[in-house]
Amino acid sequence: QNPACVYLCDPVLGDNGKLYVPHESVEIYRDQVVEHANIVTPNQFEAETLSGISIKSLADACRVADWFHGKGVQKVVISSVVFPDD
């Protein structure tokens, strides 16, 4: 590994409640890929799917970011977030 290299992971798994990939891919990303990333950029559906946490508020989004941080990820950008009252 090159310590100067930054790994950005955009886990293109799905959107709008639907997976684009087989469910096994979710497990691979969750259990093997994410932990190697410095930065992750999942959309809301991907973040919820990987973490197992529903995002219904800013506090929930922060909990999901903390889940990624717990996997060793330094920076988390969750895109396309829609809260129920939006």
PDB file of N, CA and C in Angstrom:
ATOM      1  N   GLN A   1       0.827  -1.196   0.000  1.00  0.00           N
ATOM      2  CA  GLN A   1       0.000   0.000   0.000  1.00  0.00           C
ATOM      3  C   GLN A   1       0.863   1.247   0.000  1.00  0.00           C
ATOM      4  N   ASN A   2       0.390   2.250  -0.671  1.00  0.00           N
ATOM      5  CA  ASN A   2       1.054   3.538  -0.718  1.00  0.00           C
ATOM      6  C   ASN A   2       0.347   4.466   0.271  1.00  0.00           C
ATOM      7  N   PRO A   3       1.017   4.855   1.375  1.00  0.00           N
ATOM      8  CA  PRO A   3       0.366   5.710   2.370  1.00  0.00           C
ATOM      9  C   PRO A   3      -0.013   7.092   1.837  1.00  0.00           C
ATOM     10  N   ALA A   4       0.574   7.502   0.718  1.00  0.00           N
ATOM     11  CA  ALA A   4       0.236   8.796   0.142  1.00  0.00           C
ATOM     12  C   ALA A   4      -1.018   8.722  -0.736  1.00  0.00           C
ATOM     13  N   CYS A   5      -1.473   7.515  -1.008  1.00  0.00           N
ATOM     14  CA  CYS A   5      -2.638   7.313  -1.858  1.00  0.00           C
ATOM     15  C   CYS A   5      -3.924   7.478  -1.033  1.00  0.00           C
ATOM     16  N   VAL A   6      -4.889   8.190  -1.592  1.00  0.00           N
ATOM     17  CA  VAL A   6      -6.192   8.360  -0.951  1.00  0.00           C
ATOM     18  C   VAL A   6      -7.196   7.521  -1.727  1.00  0.00           C
ATOM     19  N   TYR A   7      -7.943   6.689  -1.010  1.00  0.00           N
ATOM     20  CA  TYR A   7      -8.932   5.822  -1.632  1.00  0.00           C
ATOM     21  C   TYR A   7     -10.319   6.381  -1.373  1.00  0.00           C
ATOM     22  N   LEU A   8     -10.987   6.811  -2.446  1.00  0.00           N
ATOM     23  CA  LEU A   8     -12.360   7.279  -2.378  1.00  0.00           C
ATOM     24  C   LEU A   8     -13.254   6.166  -2.901  1.00  0.00           C
ATOM     25  N   CYS A   9     -14.210   5.765  -2.105  1.00  0.00           N
ATOM     26  CA  CYS A   9     -15.130   4.686  -2.480  1.00  0.00           C
ATOM     27  C   CYS A   9     -16.525   5.250  -2.689  1.00  0.00           C
ATOM     28  N   ASP A  10     -17.013   5.145  -3.911  1.00  0.00           N
ATOM     29  CA  ASP A  10     -18.404   5.472  -4.206  1.00  0.00           C
ATOM     30  C   ASP A  10     -19.110   4.138  -4.418  1.00  0.00           C
ATOM     31  N   PRO A  11     -19.800   3.648  -3.384  1.00  0.00           N
ATOM     32  CA  PRO A  11     -20.402   2.320  -3.481  1.00  0.00           C
ATOM     33  C   PRO A  11     -21.682   2.332  -4.319  1.00  0.00           C
ATOM     34  N   VAL A  12     -21.537   2.207  -5.615  1.00  0.00           N
ATOM     35  CA  VAL A  12     -22.699   2.260  -6.503  1.00  0.00           C
ATOM     36  C   VAL A  12     -23.462   0.941  -6.371  1.00  0.00           C
ATOM     37  N   LEU A  13     -24.407   0.943  -5.438  1.00  0.00           N
ATOM     38  CA  LEU A  13     -25.185  -0.260  -5.128  1.00  0.00           C
ATOM     39  C   LEU A  13     -26.638  -0.137  -5.543  1.00  0.00           C
ATOM     40  N   GLY A  14     -27.170   1.078  -5.524  1.00  0.00           N
ATOM     41  CA  GLY A  14     -28.577   1.274  -5.851  1.00  0.00           C
ATOM     42  C   GLY A  14     -29.052   2.656  -5.473  1.00  0.00           C
ATOM     43  N   ASP A  15     -30.351   2.866  -5.610  1.00  0.00           N
ATOM     44  CA  ASP A  15     -30.962   4.154  -5.272  1.00  0.00           C
ATOM     45  C   ASP A  15     -32.481   3.985  -5.235  1.00  0.00           C
ATOM     46  N   ASN A  16     -33.141   4.922  -4.614  1.00  0.00           N
ATOM     47  CA  ASN A  16     -34.610   4.930  -4.557  1.00  0.00           C
ATOM     48  C   ASN A  16     -35.186   3.595  -4.097  1.00  0.00           C
ATOM     49  N   GLY A  17     -34.546   3.001  -3.092  1.00  0.00           N
ATOM     50  CA  GLY A  17     -35.066   1.774  -2.508  1.00  0.00           C
ATOM     51  C   GLY A  17     -34.813   0.502  -3.293  1.00  0.00           C
ATOM     52  N   LYS A  18     -33.970   0.583  -4.323  1.00  0.00           N
ATOM     53  CA  LYS A  18     -33.748  -0.575  -5.191  1.00  0.00           C
ATOM     54  C   LYS A  18     -32.256  -0.810  -5.421  1.00  0.00           C
ATOM     55  N   LEU A  19     -31.836  -2.060  -5.261  1.00  0.00           N
ATOM     56  CA  LEU A  19     -30.447  -2.424  -5.544  1.00  0.00           C
ATOM     57  C   LEU A  19     -30.234  -2.564  -7.047  1.00  0.00           C
ATOM     58  N   TYR A  20     -29.066  -2.110  -7.523  1.00  0.00           N
ATOM     59  CA  TYR A  20     -28.656  -2.327  -8.912  1.00  0.00           C
ATOM     60  C   TYR A  20     -27.830  -3.600  -9.038  1.00  0.00           C
ATOM     61  N   VAL A  21     -27.387  -4.125  -7.920  1.00  0.00           N
ATOM     62  CA  VAL A  21     -26.432  -5.235  -7.883  1.00  0.00           C
ATOM     63  C   VAL A  21     -27.001  -6.377  -7.039  1.00  0.00           C
ATOM     64  N   PRO A  22     -26.418  -7.569  -7.143  1.00  0.00           N
ATOM     65  CA  PRO A  22     -26.861  -8.659  -6.268  1.00  0.00           C
ATOM     66  C   PRO A  22     -26.610  -8.309  -4.803  1.00  0.00           C
ATOM     67  N   HIS A  23     -27.446  -8.824  -3.900  1.00  0.00           N
ATOM     68  CA  HIS A  23     -27.316  -8.509  -2.477  1.00  0.00           C
ATOM     69  C   HIS A  23     -25.941  -8.886  -1.929  1.00  0.00           C
ATOM     70  N   GLU A  24     -25.307  -9.889  -2.502  1.00  0.00           N
ATOM     71  CA  GLU A  24     -23.970 -10.301  -2.051  1.00  0.00           C
ATOM     72  C   GLU A  24     -22.965  -9.149  -2.167  1.00  0.00           C
ATOM     73  N   SER A  25     -23.174  -8.259  -3.137  1.00  0.00           N
ATOM     74  CA  SER A  25     -22.273  -7.113  -3.314  1.00  0.00           C
ATOM     75  C   SER A  25     -22.339  -6.180  -2.108  1.00  0.00           C
ATOM     76  N   VAL A  26     -23.514  -6.059  -1.505  1.00  0.00           N
ATOM     77  CA  VAL A  26     -23.666  -5.221  -0.307  1.00  0.00           C
ATOM     78  C   VAL A  26     -22.773  -5.767   0.797  1.00  0.00           C
ATOM     79  N   GLU A  27     -22.817  -7.065   0.994  1.00  0.00           N
ATOM     80  CA  GLU A  27     -22.005  -7.697   2.037  1.00  0.00           C
ATOM     81  C   GLU A  27     -20.517  -7.504   1.772  1.00  0.00           C
ATOM     82  N   ILE A  28     -20.105  -7.613   0.524  1.00  0.00           N
ATOM     83  CA  ILE A  28     -18.692  -7.435   0.181  1.00  0.00           C
ATOM     84  C   ILE A  28     -18.251  -6.002   0.470  1.00  0.00           C
ATOM     85  N   TYR A  29     -19.048  -5.026   0.033  1.00  0.00           N
ATOM     86  CA  TYR A  29     -18.710  -3.629   0.325  1.00  0.00           C
ATOM     87  C   TYR A  29     -18.666  -3.382   1.830  1.00  0.00           C
ATOM     88  N   ARG A  30     -19.703  -3.836   2.541  1.00  0.00           N
ATOM     89  CA  ARG A  30     -19.803  -3.601   3.986  1.00  0.00           C
ATOM     90  C   ARG A  30     -18.664  -4.266   4.757  1.00  0.00           C
ATOM     91  N   ASP A  31     -18.361  -5.522   4.410  1.00  0.00           N
ATOM     92  CA  ASP A  31     -17.436  -6.306   5.217  1.00  0.00           C
ATOM     93  C   ASP A  31     -15.983  -6.286   4.742  1.00  0.00           C
ATOM     94  N   GLN A  32     -15.738  -5.873   3.469  1.00  0.00           N
ATOM     95  CA  GLN A  32     -14.385  -5.962   2.943  1.00  0.00           C
ATOM     96  C   GLN A  32     -13.853  -4.696   2.276  1.00  0.00           C
ATOM     97  N   VAL A  33     -14.732  -3.899   1.704  1.00  0.00           N
ATOM     98  CA  VAL A  33     -14.262  -2.761   0.904  1.00  0.00           C
ATOM     99  C   VAL A  33     -14.206  -1.456   1.699  1.00  0.00           C
ATOM    100  N   VAL A  34     -15.304  -1.134   2.386  1.00  0.00           N
ATOM    101  CA  VAL A  34     -15.430   0.164   3.060  1.00  0.00           C
ATOM    102  C   VAL A  34     -14.273   0.429   4.021  1.00  0.00           C
ATOM    103  N   GLU A  35     -13.832  -0.568   4.727  1.00  0.00           N
ATOM    104  CA  GLU A  35     -12.780  -0.383   5.733  1.00  0.00           C
ATOM    105  C   GLU A  35     -11.459   0.094   5.146  1.00  0.00           C
ATOM    106  N   HIS A  36     -11.280  -0.049   3.842  1.00  0.00           N
ATOM    107  CA  HIS A  36     -10.039   0.394   3.195  1.00  0.00           C
ATOM    108  C   HIS A  36     -10.127   1.822   2.653  1.00  0.00           C
ATOM    109  N   ALA A  37     -11.324   2.394   2.664  1.00  0.00           N
ATOM    110  CA  ALA A  37     -11.533   3.719   2.084  1.00  0.00           C
ATOM    111  C   ALA A  37     -11.163   4.832   3.057  1.00  0.00           C
ATOM    112  N   ASN A  38     -10.589   5.894   2.515  1.00  0.00           N
ATOM    113  CA  ASN A  38     -10.363   7.117   3.276  1.00  0.00           C
ATOM    114  C   ASN A  38     -11.618   7.984   3.256  1.00  0.00           C
ATOM    115  N   ILE A  39     -12.316   7.942   2.121  1.00  0.00           N
ATOM    116  CA  ILE A  39     -13.507   8.756   1.888  1.00  0.00           C
ATOM    117  C   ILE A  39     -14.573   7.859   1.264  1.00  0.00           C
ATOM    118  N   VAL A  40     -15.826   7.971   1.716  1.00  0.00           N
ATOM    119  CA  VAL A  40     -16.938   7.282   1.060  1.00  0.00           C
ATOM    120  C   VAL A  40     -17.997   8.297   0.654  1.00  0.00           C
ATOM    121  N   THR A  41     -18.660   8.030  -0.477  1.00  0.00           N
ATOM    122  CA  THR A  41     -19.666   8.954  -0.990  1.00  0.00           C
ATOM    123  C   THR A  41     -20.949   8.204  -1.378  1.00  0.00           C
ATOM    124  N   PRO A  42     -21.573   7.539  -0.415  1.00  0.00           N
ATOM    125  CA  PRO A  42     -22.813   6.832  -0.743  1.00  0.00           C
ATOM    126  C   PRO A  42     -23.995   7.792  -0.840  1.00  0.00           C
ATOM    127  N   ASN A  43     -24.994   7.397  -1.614  1.00  0.00           N
ATOM    128  CA  ASN A  43     -26.250   8.137  -1.543  1.00  0.00           C
ATOM    129  C   ASN A  43     -27.016   7.638  -0.311  1.00  0.00           C
ATOM    130  N   GLN A  44     -28.152   8.230  -0.036  1.00  0.00           N
ATOM    131  CA  GLN A  44     -28.904   7.873   1.168  1.00  0.00           C
ATOM    132  C   GLN A  44     -29.242   6.382   1.202  1.00  0.00           C
ATOM    133  N   PHE A  45     -29.745   5.841   0.108  1.00  0.00           N
ATOM    134  CA  PHE A  45     -30.109   4.425   0.066  1.00  0.00           C
ATOM    135  C   PHE A  45     -28.897   3.542   0.337  1.00  0.00           C
ATOM    136  N   GLU A  46     -27.767   3.849  -0.282  1.00  0.00           N
ATOM    137  CA  GLU A  46     -26.555   3.050  -0.088  1.00  0.00           C
ATOM    138  C   GLU A  46     -26.044   3.144   1.346  1.00  0.00           C
ATOM    139  N   ALA A  47     -26.084   4.351   1.909  1.00  0.00           N
ATOM    140  CA  ALA A  47     -25.635   4.540   3.292  1.00  0.00           C
ATOM    141  C   ALA A  47     -26.516   3.752   4.254  1.00  0.00           C
ATOM    142  N   GLU A  48     -27.831   3.794   4.033  1.00  0.00           N
ATOM    143  CA  GLU A  48     -28.759   3.045   4.884  1.00  0.00           C
ATOM    144  C   GLU A  48     -28.555   1.543   4.717  1.00  0.00           C
ATOM    145  N   THR A  49     -28.370   1.105   3.483  1.00  0.00           N
ATOM    146  CA  THR A  49     -28.208  -0.320   3.194  1.00  0.00           C
ATOM    147  C   THR A  49     -26.927  -0.864   3.816  1.00  0.00           C
ATOM    148  N   LEU A  50     -25.844  -0.121   3.694  1.00  0.00           N
ATOM    149  CA  LEU A  50     -24.567  -0.589   4.240  1.00  0.00           C
ATOM    150  C   LEU A  50     -24.557  -0.566   5.768  1.00  0.00           C
ATOM    151  N   SER A  51     -25.103   0.491   6.358  1.00  0.00           N
ATOM    152  CA  SER A  51     -25.029   0.657   7.814  1.00  0.00           C
ATOM    153  C   SER A  51     -26.148  -0.053   8.564  1.00  0.00           C
ATOM    154  N   GLY A  52     -27.277  -0.268   7.889  1.00  0.00           N
ATOM    155  CA  GLY A  52     -28.440  -0.832   8.563  1.00  0.00           C
ATOM    156  C   GLY A  52     -29.211   0.193   9.373  1.00  0.00           C
ATOM    157  N   ILE A  53     -28.909   1.469   9.166  1.00  0.00           N
ATOM    158  CA  ILE A  53     -29.546   2.567   9.906  1.00  0.00           C
ATOM    159  C   ILE A  53     -30.385   3.400   8.941  1.00  0.00           C
ATOM    160  N   SER A  54     -31.674   3.591   9.239  1.00  0.00           N
ATOM    161  CA  SER A  54     -32.537   4.443   8.422  1.00  0.00           C
ATOM    162  C   SER A  54     -32.224   5.906   8.704  1.00  0.00           C
ATOM    163  N   ILE A  55     -32.174   6.700   7.660  1.00  0.00           N
ATOM    164  CA  ILE A  55     -31.917   8.135   7.807  1.00  0.00           C
ATOM    165  C   ILE A  55     -33.238   8.874   7.674  1.00  0.00           C
ATOM    166  N   LYS A  56     -33.736   9.360   8.813  1.00  0.00           N
ATOM    167  CA  LYS A  56     -34.984  10.121   8.832  1.00  0.00           C
ATOM    168  C   LYS A  56     -34.778  11.522   9.407  1.00  0.00           C
ATOM    169  N   SER A  57     -33.537  11.804   9.844  1.00  0.00           N
ATOM    170  CA  SER A  57     -33.221  13.108  10.436  1.00  0.00           C
ATOM    171  C   SER A  57     -31.718  13.353  10.311  1.00  0.00           C
ATOM    172  N   LEU A  58     -31.318  14.571  10.614  1.00  0.00           N
ATOM    173  CA  LEU A  58     -29.897  14.898  10.608  1.00  0.00           C
ATOM    174  C   LEU A  58     -29.150  14.048  11.635  1.00  0.00           C
ATOM    175  N   ALA A  59     -29.776  13.808  12.782  1.00  0.00           N
ATOM    176  CA  ALA A  59     -29.147  12.965  13.813  1.00  0.00           C
ATOM    177  C   ALA A  59     -28.902  11.554  13.283  1.00  0.00           C
ATOM    178  N   ASP A  60     -29.860  11.012  12.526  1.00  0.00           N
ATOM    179  CA  ASP A  60     -29.673   9.688  11.927  1.00  0.00           C
ATOM    180  C   ASP A  60     -28.515   9.699  10.935  1.00  0.00           C
ATOM    181  N   ALA A  61     -28.438  10.746  10.121  1.00  0.00           N
ATOM    182  CA  ALA A  61     -27.344  10.855   9.154  1.00  0.00           C
ATOM    183  C   ALA A  61     -25.997  10.895   9.877  1.00  0.00           C
ATOM    184  N   CYS A  62     -25.956  11.574  10.994  1.00  0.00           N
ATOM    185  CA  CYS A  62     -24.723  11.625  11.791  1.00  0.00           C
ATOM    186  C   CYS A  62     -24.380  10.247  12.360  1.00  0.00           C
ATOM    187  N   ARG A  63     -25.409   9.493  12.770  1.00  0.00           N
ATOM    188  CA  ARG A  63     -25.175   8.126  13.257  1.00  0.00           C
ATOM    189  C   ARG A  63     -24.611   7.242  12.149  1.00  0.00           C
ATOM    190  N   VAL A  64     -25.114   7.410  10.927  1.00  0.00           N
ATOM    191  CA  VAL A  64     -24.598   6.648   9.791  1.00  0.00           C
ATOM    192  C   VAL A  64     -23.139   7.044   9.522  1.00  0.00           C
ATOM    193  N   ALA A  65     -22.850   8.337   9.557  1.00  0.00           N
ATOM    194  CA  ALA A  65     -21.464   8.786   9.378  1.00  0.00           C
ATOM    195  C   ALA A  65     -20.570   8.186  10.456  1.00  0.00           C
ATOM    196  N   ASP A  66     -21.057   8.150  11.687  1.00  0.00           N
ATOM    197  CA  ASP A  66     -20.286   7.532  12.777  1.00  0.00           C
ATOM    198  C   ASP A  66     -20.054   6.047  12.520  1.00  0.00           C
ATOM    199  N   TRP A  67     -21.036   5.379  11.924  1.00  0.00           N
ATOM    200  CA  TRP A  67     -20.867   3.959  11.585  1.00  0.00           C
ATOM    201  C   TRP A  67     -19.695   3.793  10.614  1.00  0.00           C
ATOM    202  N   PHE A  68     -19.659   4.651   9.584  1.00  0.00           N
ATOM    203  CA  PHE A  68     -18.549   4.607   8.625  1.00  0.00           C
ATOM    204  C   PHE A  68     -17.225   4.941   9.318  1.00  0.00           C
ATOM    205  N   HIS A  69     -17.232   5.951  10.191  1.00  0.00           N
ATOM    206  CA  HIS A  69     -16.011   6.294  10.936  1.00  0.00           C
ATOM    207  C   HIS A  69     -15.530   5.099  11.755  1.00  0.00           C
ATOM    208  N   GLY A  70     -16.468   4.364  12.331  1.00  0.00           N
ATOM    209  CA  GLY A  70     -16.120   3.172  13.097  1.00  0.00           C
ATOM    210  C   GLY A  70     -15.469   2.091  12.256  1.00  0.00           C
ATOM    211  N   LYS A  71     -15.714   2.123  10.942  1.00  0.00           N
ATOM    212  CA  LYS A  71     -15.075   1.198  10.004  1.00  0.00           C
ATOM    213  C   LYS A  71     -13.703   1.694   9.573  1.00  0.00           C
ATOM    214  N   GLY A  72     -13.318   2.909  10.038  1.00  0.00           N
ATOM    215  CA  GLY A  72     -12.011   3.451   9.682  1.00  0.00           C
ATOM    216  C   GLY A  72     -12.031   4.528   8.613  1.00  0.00           C
ATOM    217  N   VAL A  73     -13.212   4.850   8.098  1.00  0.00           N
ATOM    218  CA  VAL A  73     -13.334   5.878   7.064  1.00  0.00           C
ATOM    219  C   VAL A  73     -13.139   7.251   7.701  1.00  0.00           C
ATOM    220  N   GLN A  74     -12.331   8.101   7.071  1.00  0.00           N
ATOM    221  CA  GLN A  74     -12.043   9.426   7.621  1.00  0.00           C
ATOM    222  C   GLN A  74     -13.123  10.453   7.281  1.00  0.00           C
ATOM    223  N   LYS A  75     -13.608  10.421   6.032  1.00  0.00           N
ATOM    224  CA  LYS A  75     -14.590  11.414   5.590  1.00  0.00           C
ATOM    225  C   LYS A  75     -15.761  10.721   4.920  1.00  0.00           C
ATOM    226  N   VAL A  76     -16.964  11.213   5.234  1.00  0.00           N
ATOM    227  CA  VAL A  76     -18.196  10.630   4.717  1.00  0.00           C
ATOM    228  C   VAL A  76     -19.037  11.744   4.099  1.00  0.00           C
ATOM    229  N   VAL A  77     -19.450  11.546   2.858  1.00  0.00           N
ATOM    230  CA  VAL A  77     -20.353  12.472   2.183  1.00  0.00           C
ATOM    231  C   VAL A  77     -21.556  11.661   1.729  1.00  0.00           C
ATOM    232  N   ILE A  78     -22.705  11.897   2.361  1.00  0.00           N
ATOM    233  CA  ILE A  78     -23.928  11.189   2.001  1.00  0.00           C
ATOM    234  C   ILE A  78     -24.741  12.102   1.089  1.00  0.00           C
ATOM    235  N   SER A  79     -24.982  11.644  -0.131  1.00  0.00           N
ATOM    236  CA  SER A  79     -25.689  12.478  -1.106  1.00  0.00           C
ATOM    237  C   SER A  79     -27.159  12.082  -1.210  1.00  0.00           C
ATOM    238  N   SER A  80     -27.919  12.963  -1.839  1.00  0.00           N
ATOM    239  CA  SER A  80     -29.335  12.717  -2.154  1.00  0.00           C
ATOM    240  C   SER A  80     -30.163  12.385  -0.922  1.00  0.00           C
ATOM    241  N   VAL A  81     -29.895  13.068   0.200  1.00  0.00           N
ATOM    242  CA  VAL A  81     -30.644  12.805   1.427  1.00  0.00           C
ATOM    243  C   VAL A  81     -31.962  13.561   1.395  1.00  0.00           C
ATOM    244  N   VAL A  82     -33.040  12.843   1.695  1.00  0.00           N
ATOM    245  CA  VAL A  82     -34.366  13.438   1.793  1.00  0.00           C
ATOM    246  C   VAL A  82     -34.947  13.016   3.133  1.00  0.00           C
ATOM    247  N   PHE A  83     -35.277  13.987   3.967  1.00  0.00           N
ATOM    248  CA  PHE A  83     -35.910  13.703   5.252  1.00  0.00           C
ATOM    249  C   PHE A  83     -37.425  13.648   5.035  1.00  0.00           C
ATOM    250  N   PRO A  84     -38.133  12.865   5.863  1.00  0.00           N
ATOM    251  CA  PRO A  84     -39.582  12.691   5.668  1.00  0.00           C
ATOM    252  C   PRO A  84     -40.372  13.998   5.596  1.00  0.00           C
ATOM    253  N   ASP A  85     -39.954  15.037   6.290  1.00  0.00           N
ATOM    254  CA  ASP A  85     -40.712  16.294   6.290  1.00  0.00           C
ATOM    255  C   ASP A  85     -40.260  17.259   5.194  1.00  0.00           C
ATOM    256  N   ASP A  86     -39.365  16.805   4.296  1.00  0.00           N
ATOM    257  CA  ASP A  86     -38.903  17.662   3.182  1.00  0.00           C
ATOM    258  C   ASP A  86     -39.934  17.710   2.075  1.00  0.00           C
TER     259      ASP A  86
END
